[in-house]
Amino acid sequence: MGTAQGPGATGSDERNAARLNARRAQILDAATSVFARLGYHGARMDDIVQASGLSKGAIYWYFKSKEEIAVELVRQLLHDEEKALANGPTTPGDAGDRLSTMADDFSRALRENPSRAPLALELLSLGQRIPAIKKHFTEYHETYVALLSHLLRAASGGAPSARQIRAGALALAAMVDGWALHEALIATPGEDREGLGEAVTILVTGLRGQG
């Protein structure tokens, strides 16, 4: 009898887990739209409740505060970014192309989703006063810089020193962050919105000349 109940119990647990995850995703999607529209400080829990289509009690069952929602949203967004970074080739022959493609894909995503850059900057700014968010961003930054260092080392043919590679990776990360800031602030499109991939190529070319 116990053996017969096992699969049923497992199936029920899986359905419950799927339902819980779907509700959490629904709340986080609502918070994303609200934070992008009103900013974190301008948003209220009532705004998230209204955008989610759920009851206030349901929201508070999953998240006790707006800050708790923001922390989970940052954690999830950065987790998805880390998974995306882990995909793709990293062999010496295509490392430079991959870097340029990553940069072009990033800038195109910002253009296609105008709320992405302001939302990212809004969430990043919260790290100044919410330790959990700062921790998530710090850990992601180290993962991101390590990947950039790996790709830059491969793309530059091993000529630069480890210090030069690290400096190049930090510069590239700063370029990407600056591009998001630029995209969030400019009001009209321009030719310079297409240049992040080209800027990466210039950086890689400069590293190849080191040694």
Protein backbone atom coordinates (compact mmCIF):
# COMPACT_ATOMS: atom_id res chain seq x y z
CA MET A 1 0.00 0.00 0.00
CA GLY A 2 2.79 2.38 0.87
CA THR A 3 4.50 1.69 -2.47
CA ALA A 4 1.28 2.41 -4.33
CA GLN A 5 0.90 5.80 -2.62
CA GLY A 6 4.47 6.88 -3.30
CA PRO A 7 4.10 7.94 -6.96
CA GLY A 8 0.81 9.70 -6.23
CA ALA A 9 2.36 11.67 -3.40
CA THR A 10 5.32 12.60 -5.58
CA GLY A 11 3.03 13.76 -8.37
CA SER A 12 1.01 15.86 -5.95
CA ASP A 13 4.18 17.42 -4.54
CA GLU A 14 5.36 18.27 -8.04
CA ARG A 15 2.03 19.88 -8.91
CA ASN A 16 2.08 21.91 -5.71
CA ALA A 17 5.66 23.02 -6.36
CA ALA A 18 4.76 24.00 -9.93
CA ARG A 19 1.77 26.01 -8.69
CA LEU A 20 3.89 27.79 -6.07
CA ASN A 21 6.58 28.60 -8.64
CA ALA A 22 3.96 29.90 -11.07
CA ARG A 23 2.54 32.22 -8.41
CA ARG A 24 5.97 33.51 -7.47
CA ALA A 25 6.76 34.12 -11.14
CA GLN A 26 3.45 35.97 -11.54
CA ILE A 27 4.32 38.25 -8.62
CA LEU A 28 7.86 38.87 -9.85
CA ASP A 29 6.63 39.66 -13.36
CA ALA A 30 4.20 42.18 -11.88
CA ALA A 31 6.96 43.71 -9.74
CA THR A 32 9.20 43.98 -12.79
CA SER A 33 6.62 46.01 -14.68
CA VAL A 34 5.81 48.18 -11.65
CA PHE A 35 9.45 48.90 -10.79
CA ALA A 36 10.20 49.71 -14.43
CA ARG A 37 7.25 52.10 -14.60
CA LEU A 38 7.33 53.76 -11.18
CA GLY A 39 10.80 53.00 -9.85
CA TYR A 40 11.42 51.04 -6.67
CA HIS A 41 10.87 53.97 -4.32
CA GLY A 42 7.76 55.15 -6.15
CA ALA A 43 6.18 51.70 -6.19
CA ARG A 44 3.84 50.46 -3.46
CA MET A 45 2.89 46.92 -2.57
CA ASP A 46 -0.66 47.84 -3.65
CA ASP A 47 0.69 48.60 -7.14
CA ILE A 48 2.26 45.15 -7.33
CA VAL A 49 -0.95 43.56 -6.04
CA GLN A 50 -2.97 45.33 -8.74
CA ALA A 51 -0.51 44.43 -11.51
CA SER A 52 -0.36 40.78 -10.45
CA GLY A 53 -4.11 40.20 -10.43
CA LEU A 54 -3.74 38.36 -7.11
CA SER A 55 -5.11 39.25 -3.71
CA LYS A 56 -3.04 41.19 -1.20
CA GLY A 57 -3.09 38.16 1.08
CA ALA A 58 -1.64 35.99 -1.69
CA ILE A 59 1.18 38.46 -2.28
CA TYR A 60 2.08 38.60 1.40
CA TRP A 61 1.99 34.82 1.62
CA TYR A 62 4.98 34.68 -0.73
CA PHE A 63 6.75 37.96 0.06
CA LYS A 64 6.58 39.93 3.30
CA SER A 65 7.73 43.25 1.86
CA LYS A 66 8.62 45.18 -1.27
CA GLU A 67 12.29 44.80 -0.36
CA GLU A 68 11.96 41.03 -0.21
CA ILE A 69 10.44 41.06 -3.70
CA ALA A 70 13.28 43.22 -5.01
CA VAL A 71 15.93 40.90 -3.54
CA GLU A 72 14.34 37.84 -5.12
CA LEU A 73 13.90 39.65 -8.43
CA VAL A 74 17.61 40.56 -8.51
CA ARG A 75 18.61 37.02 -7.55
CA GLN A 76 16.49 35.51 -10.31
CA LEU A 77 17.55 37.99 -12.99
CA LEU A 78 21.24 37.48 -12.24
CA HIS A 79 20.80 33.70 -12.09
CA ASP A 80 19.28 33.80 -15.58
CA GLU A 81 22.16 35.99 -16.79
CA GLU A 82 24.72 33.53 -15.39
CA LYS A 83 23.04 30.65 -17.21
CA ALA A 84 23.12 32.63 -20.46
CA LEU A 85 26.82 33.45 -19.97
CA ALA A 86 27.65 29.78 -19.46
CA ASN A 87 26.45 28.91 -22.98
CA GLY A 88 28.48 29.29 -26.14
CA PRO A 89 31.95 28.41 -27.45
CA THR A 90 35.12 29.63 -25.77
CA THR A 91 37.86 28.24 -28.02
CA PRO A 92 40.66 30.63 -29.13
CA GLY A 93 39.45 30.77 -32.72
CA ASP A 94 36.06 32.26 -31.92
CA ALA A 95 36.53 33.97 -28.55
CA GLY A 96 36.85 37.43 -30.10
CA ASP A 97 33.76 36.92 -32.22
CA ARG A 98 31.84 35.68 -29.20
CA LEU A 99 32.75 38.79 -27.23
CA SER A 100 31.58 41.05 -30.05
CA THR A 101 28.40 39.03 -30.48
CA MET A 102 27.68 39.18 -26.74
CA ALA A 103 28.11 42.96 -26.84
CA ASP A 104 25.88 43.38 -29.90
CA ASP A 105 23.22 41.08 -28.42
CA PHE A 106 23.27 43.09 -25.19
CA SER A 107 22.89 46.45 -26.91
CA ARG A 108 20.15 45.08 -29.19
CA ALA A 109 18.26 43.69 -26.17
CA LEU A 110 18.37 47.13 -24.57
CA ARG A 111 16.93 48.73 -27.70
CA GLU A 112 14.20 46.11 -28.10
CA ASN A 113 13.18 46.34 -24.43
CA PRO A 114 13.41 50.03 -23.48
CA SER A 115 12.52 49.37 -19.83
CA ARG A 116 15.41 46.93 -19.33
CA ALA A 117 18.18 49.47 -18.85
CA PRO A 118 16.29 51.76 -16.42
CA LEU A 119 15.13 48.72 -14.44
CA ALA A 120 18.66 47.30 -14.22
CA LEU A 121 20.02 50.62 -13.00
CA GLU A 122 17.15 50.96 -10.52
CA LEU A 123 17.86 47.52 -9.04
CA LEU A 124 21.62 48.07 -9.03
CA SER A 125 21.22 51.29 -7.06
CA LEU A 126 19.39 49.36 -4.34
CA GLY A 127 22.62 47.52 -3.58
CA GLN A 128 23.85 50.65 -1.83
CA ARG A 129 21.42 50.12 1.04
CA ILE A 130 20.16 46.52 0.78
CA PRO A 131 23.02 44.12 1.67
CA ALA A 132 21.40 41.06 0.08
CA ILE A 133 21.14 42.82 -3.29
CA LYS A 134 24.72 44.05 -3.05
CA LYS A 135 25.83 40.48 -2.35
CA HIS A 136 24.02 39.14 -5.41
CA PHE A 137 25.47 41.81 -7.68
CA THR A 138 29.00 41.34 -6.27
CA GLU A 139 28.91 37.59 -6.83
CA TYR A 140 27.56 38.03 -10.34
CA HIS A 141 30.18 40.66 -11.14
CA GLU A 142 32.99 38.26 -10.23
CA THR A 143 31.48 35.51 -12.37
CA TYR A 144 31.06 37.95 -15.27
CA VAL A 145 34.61 39.34 -15.03
CA ALA A 146 36.03 35.81 -14.81
CA LEU A 147 34.24 34.86 -18.05
CA LEU A 148 35.38 38.05 -19.78
CA SER A 149 38.96 37.36 -18.63
CA HIS A 150 38.78 33.85 -20.06
CA LEU A 151 37.48 35.08 -23.40
CA LEU A 152 39.92 38.00 -23.60
CA ARG A 153 42.84 35.67 -22.84
CA ALA A 154 41.76 33.37 -25.66
CA ALA A 155 40.97 36.19 -28.09
CA SER A 156 44.28 37.99 -27.49
CA GLY A 157 46.42 34.94 -28.19
CA GLY A 158 48.07 34.85 -24.78
CA ALA A 159 50.22 37.94 -25.37
CA PRO A 160 48.99 40.10 -22.44
CA SER A 161 49.91 39.44 -18.83
CA ALA A 162 47.34 38.25 -16.26
CA ARG A 163 47.21 41.78 -14.87
CA GLN A 164 46.50 43.23 -18.32
CA ILE A 165 43.80 40.64 -18.97
CA ARG A 166 42.13 41.44 -15.64
CA ALA A 167 42.29 45.16 -16.38
CA GLY A 168 40.79 44.56 -19.82
CA ALA A 169 37.97 42.47 -18.36
CA LEU A 170 37.16 45.16 -15.80
CA ALA A 171 37.23 47.81 -18.53
CA LEU A 172 34.91 45.74 -20.69
CA ALA A 173 32.49 45.20 -17.79
CA ALA A 174 32.51 48.96 -17.19
CA MET A 175 31.83 49.55 -20.89
CA VAL A 176 28.76 47.32 -20.72
CA ASP A 177 27.49 49.02 -17.55
CA GLY A 178 28.10 52.41 -19.13
CA TRP A 179 26.23 51.34 -22.25
CA ALA A 180 23.20 50.48 -20.13
CA LEU A 181 23.40 53.89 -18.45
CA HIS A 182 23.74 55.59 -21.84
CA GLU A 183 20.75 53.68 -23.19
CA ALA A 184 18.66 54.59 -20.15
CA LEU A 185 19.41 58.31 -20.52
CA ILE A 186 19.34 59.03 -24.25
CA ALA A 187 16.00 60.10 -25.65
CA THR A 188 16.51 59.54 -29.38
CA PRO A 189 18.25 56.83 -31.43
CA GLY A 190 21.61 57.52 -33.00
CA GLU A 191 24.42 55.79 -34.86
CA ASP A 192 26.46 55.41 -31.66
CA ARG A 193 23.85 52.98 -30.35
CA GLU A 194 25.28 50.33 -32.68
CA GLY A 195 28.90 50.57 -31.58
CA LEU A 196 29.37 48.37 -28.51
CA GLY A 197 30.54 45.36 -30.51
CA GLU A 198 33.00 47.55 -32.40
CA ALA A 199 34.32 48.95 -29.12
CA VAL A 200 34.94 45.40 -27.91
CA THR A 201 36.88 44.63 -31.08
CA ILE A 202 39.07 47.68 -30.48
CA LEU A 203 39.79 46.51 -26.93
CA VAL A 204 40.71 43.01 -28.10
CA THR A 205 42.97 44.41 -30.81
CA GLY A 206 44.77 46.53 -28.22
CA LEU A 207 45.34 43.51 -25.97
CA ARG A 208 46.77 41.53 -28.86
CA GLY A 209 49.44 44.18 -29.24
CA GLN A 210 50.66 43.72 -25.67
CA GLY A 211 53.38 41.43 -24.44
